[in-house]
């Protein structure tokens, strides 16, 4: 069963499984999502975090959609997006997983 999430969601490709308890009650749940290896993403640019930056604003500027913050988290191997907002940190802004970049672009 496909996950009931929009295609832009980090959970869109995650399978919905079914748990059945000892009394026969069934409960749907999402299978575990693993963070992809950042090296597998094609780099678009980098962004250096400055005082007052917010991840949703960075995402809106570079990816056009503030709700895609999870793509920046994945590209920078972050489980918690707030961990990315250290002043001076260089964030990798990448293409989505599975989309190859253009060499020497």
C-alpha atoms as a PDB file:
ATOM      1  CA  UNK A   1       0.000   0.000   0.000  1.00  0.00           C
ATOM      2  CA  UNK A   2       1.399   3.417  -0.982  1.00  0.00           C
ATOM      3  CA  UNK A   3       1.719   6.097   1.671  1.00  0.00           C
ATOM      4  CA  UNK A   4      -1.100   8.651   1.734  1.00  0.00           C
ATOM      5  CA  UNK A   5       1.233  11.633   1.398  1.00  0.00           C
ATOM      6  CA  UNK A   6       1.708  14.154  -1.412  1.00  0.00           C
ATOM      7  CA  UNK A   7       4.638  13.528  -3.793  1.00  0.00           C
ATOM      8  CA  UNK A   8       6.605  16.400  -2.194  1.00  0.00           C
ATOM      9  CA  UNK A   9       6.506  14.790   1.264  1.00  0.00           C
ATOM     10  CA  UNK A  10       9.526  13.040   2.714  1.00  0.00           C
ATOM     11  CA  UNK A  11       7.182  10.116   3.403  1.00  0.00           C
ATOM     12  CA  UNK A  12       5.666   9.833  -0.095  1.00  0.00           C
ATOM     13  CA  UNK A  13       7.704   6.756  -1.049  1.00  0.00           C
ATOM     14  CA  UNK A  14       7.422   5.025   2.324  1.00  0.00           C
ATOM     15  CA  UNK A  15       5.244   1.936   2.407  1.00  0.00           C
ATOM     16  CA  UNK A  16       2.272   1.723   4.734  1.00  0.00           C
ATOM     17  CA  UNK A  17       2.298  -1.629   6.547  1.00  0.00           C
ATOM     18  CA  UNK A  18      -0.362  -3.228   8.714  1.00  0.00           C
ATOM     19  CA  UNK A  19       0.059  -4.445  12.287  1.00  0.00           C
ATOM     20  CA  UNK A  20      -2.434  -6.989  13.590  1.00  0.00           C
ATOM     21  CA  UNK A  21      -2.679  -7.495  17.336  1.00  0.00           C
ATOM     22  CA  UNK A  22      -3.644 -10.709  19.139  1.00  0.00           C
ATOM     23  CA  UNK A  23      -7.331  -9.777  18.985  1.00  0.00           C
ATOM     24  CA  UNK A  24      -7.270  -9.273  15.234  1.00  0.00           C
ATOM     25  CA  UNK A  25      -7.362  -5.463  15.300  1.00  0.00           C
ATOM     26  CA  UNK A  26      -5.406  -3.990  12.429  1.00  0.00           C
ATOM     27  CA  UNK A  27      -3.466  -0.727  12.649  1.00  0.00           C
ATOM     28  CA  UNK A  28      -1.658   0.891   9.727  1.00  0.00           C
ATOM     29  CA  UNK A  29       1.842   2.293  10.256  1.00  0.00           C
ATOM     30  CA  UNK A  30       4.636   3.681   8.124  1.00  0.00           C
ATOM     31  CA  UNK A  31       7.710   1.585   7.607  1.00  0.00           C
ATOM     32  CA  UNK A  32      10.959   3.145   8.756  1.00  0.00           C
ATOM     33  CA  UNK A  33      12.442   5.918   6.642  1.00  0.00           C
ATOM     34  CA  UNK A  34      16.224   5.942   6.323  1.00  0.00           C
ATOM     35  CA  UNK A  35      18.086   9.159   5.625  1.00  0.00           C
ATOM     36  CA  UNK A  36      19.759   8.780   2.224  1.00  0.00           C
ATOM     37  CA  UNK A  37      23.504   9.180   1.872  1.00  0.00           C
ATOM     38  CA  UNK A  38      24.194  12.894   1.184  1.00  0.00           C
ATOM     39  CA  UNK A  39      26.923  11.949  -1.286  1.00  0.00           C
ATOM     40  CA  UNK A  40      24.208  10.574  -3.566  1.00  0.00           C
ATOM     41  CA  UNK A  41      22.656  14.036  -4.062  1.00  0.00           C
ATOM     42  CA  UNK A  42      23.773  16.373  -6.864  1.00  0.00           C
ATOM     43  CA  UNK A  43      24.956  19.672  -5.363  1.00  0.00           C
ATOM     44  CA  UNK A  44      23.262  22.841  -6.616  1.00  0.00           C
ATOM     45  CA  UNK A  45      24.893  25.357  -4.296  1.00  0.00           C
ATOM     46  CA  UNK A  46      25.835  25.986  -0.692  1.00  0.00           C
ATOM     47  CA  UNK A  47      24.456  28.440   1.826  1.00  0.00           C
ATOM     48  CA  UNK A  48      26.406  29.758   4.813  1.00  0.00           C
ATOM     49  CA  UNK A  49      24.156  30.160   7.858  1.00  0.00           C
ATOM     50  CA  UNK A  50      24.176  33.684   9.277  1.00  0.00           C
ATOM     51  CA  UNK A  51      22.652  35.170  12.417  1.00  0.00           C
ATOM     52  CA  UNK A  52      18.872  35.285  12.106  1.00  0.00           C
ATOM     53  CA  UNK A  53      18.627  32.713   9.288  1.00  0.00           C
ATOM     54  CA  UNK A  54      15.671  30.337   9.396  1.00  0.00           C
ATOM     55  CA  UNK A  55      15.612  27.013   7.596  1.00  0.00           C
ATOM     56  CA  UNK A  56      12.193  27.628   6.072  1.00  0.00           C
ATOM     57  CA  UNK A  57      13.406  30.920   4.564  1.00  0.00           C
ATOM     58  CA  UNK A  58      16.611  29.325   3.267  1.00  0.00           C
ATOM     59  CA  UNK A  59      14.541  26.548   1.712  1.00  0.00           C
ATOM     60  CA  UNK A  60      12.084  28.990   0.133  1.00  0.00           C
ATOM     61  CA  UNK A  61      14.972  30.996  -1.351  1.00  0.00           C
ATOM     62  CA  UNK A  62      16.895  28.041  -2.782  1.00  0.00           C
ATOM     63  CA  UNK A  63      14.160  25.469  -3.488  1.00  0.00           C
ATOM     64  CA  UNK A  64      11.078  27.668  -3.878  1.00  0.00           C
ATOM     65  CA  UNK A  65       9.057  25.881  -1.190  1.00  0.00           C
ATOM     66  CA  UNK A  66       9.628  26.331   2.570  1.00  0.00           C
ATOM     67  CA  UNK A  67       8.030  22.943   3.286  1.00  0.00           C
ATOM     68  CA  UNK A  68      10.913  21.202   1.505  1.00  0.00           C
ATOM     69  CA  UNK A  69      13.259  21.909   4.460  1.00  0.00           C
ATOM     70  CA  UNK A  70      13.622  18.150   4.899  1.00  0.00           C
ATOM     71  CA  UNK A  71      15.552  17.991   1.589  1.00  0.00           C
ATOM     72  CA  UNK A  72      18.214  20.282   3.063  1.00  0.00           C
ATOM     73  CA  UNK A  73      18.228  18.217   6.262  1.00  0.00           C
ATOM     74  CA  UNK A  74      18.730  15.011   4.238  1.00  0.00           C
ATOM     75  CA  UNK A  75      21.476  16.596   2.115  1.00  0.00           C
ATOM     76  CA  UNK A  76      23.334  17.568   5.280  1.00  0.00           C
ATOM     77  CA  UNK A  77      22.818  14.317   7.221  1.00  0.00           C
ATOM     78  CA  UNK A  78      20.667  15.976   9.898  1.00  0.00           C
ATOM     79  CA  UNK A  79      18.082  14.055  11.897  1.00  0.00           C
ATOM     80  CA  UNK A  80      16.815  17.284  13.486  1.00  0.00           C
ATOM     81  CA  UNK A  81      16.552  20.303  11.175  1.00  0.00           C
ATOM     82  CA  UNK A  82      17.360  22.713  14.024  1.00  0.00           C
ATOM     83  CA  UNK A  83      20.848  21.167  14.177  1.00  0.00           C
ATOM     84  CA  UNK A  84      21.578  22.832  10.826  1.00  0.00           C
ATOM     85  CA  UNK A  85      21.206  26.398  12.019  1.00  0.00           C
ATOM     86  CA  UNK A  86      24.623  26.920  13.593  1.00  0.00           C
ATOM     87  CA  UNK A  87      26.028  30.283  12.457  1.00  0.00           C
ATOM     88  CA  UNK A  88      28.865  29.718   9.976  1.00  0.00           C
ATOM     89  CA  UNK A  89      27.750  26.242   8.946  1.00  0.00           C
ATOM     90  CA  UNK A  90      27.735  25.663   5.188  1.00  0.00           C
ATOM     91  CA  UNK A  91      24.564  23.908   4.080  1.00  0.00           C
ATOM     92  CA  UNK A  92      24.521  21.775   0.960  1.00  0.00           C
ATOM     93  CA  UNK A  93      21.562  22.636  -1.271  1.00  0.00           C
ATOM     94  CA  UNK A  94      20.989  19.705  -3.607  1.00  0.00           C
ATOM     95  CA  UNK A  95      18.720  18.259  -6.234  1.00  0.00           C
ATOM     96  CA  UNK A  96      16.193  15.683  -5.003  1.00  0.00           C
ATOM     97  CA  UNK A  97      17.388  12.118  -4.531  1.00  0.00           C
ATOM     98  CA  UNK A  98      17.652  10.240  -7.816  1.00  0.00           C
ATOM     99  CA  UNK A  99      17.961  13.362  -9.977  1.00  0.00           C
ATOM    100  CA  UNK A 100      21.453  13.516 -11.473  1.00  0.00           C
ATOM    101  CA  UNK A 101      23.230  16.834 -11.818  1.00  0.00           C
ATOM    102  CA  UNK A 102      24.899  18.147 -14.938  1.00  0.00           C
ATOM    103  CA  UNK A 103      28.675  17.749 -14.959  1.00  0.00           C
ATOM    104  CA  UNK A 104      30.564  21.068 -15.059  1.00  0.00           C
ATOM    105  CA  UNK A 105      27.332  23.083 -15.054  1.00  0.00           C
END
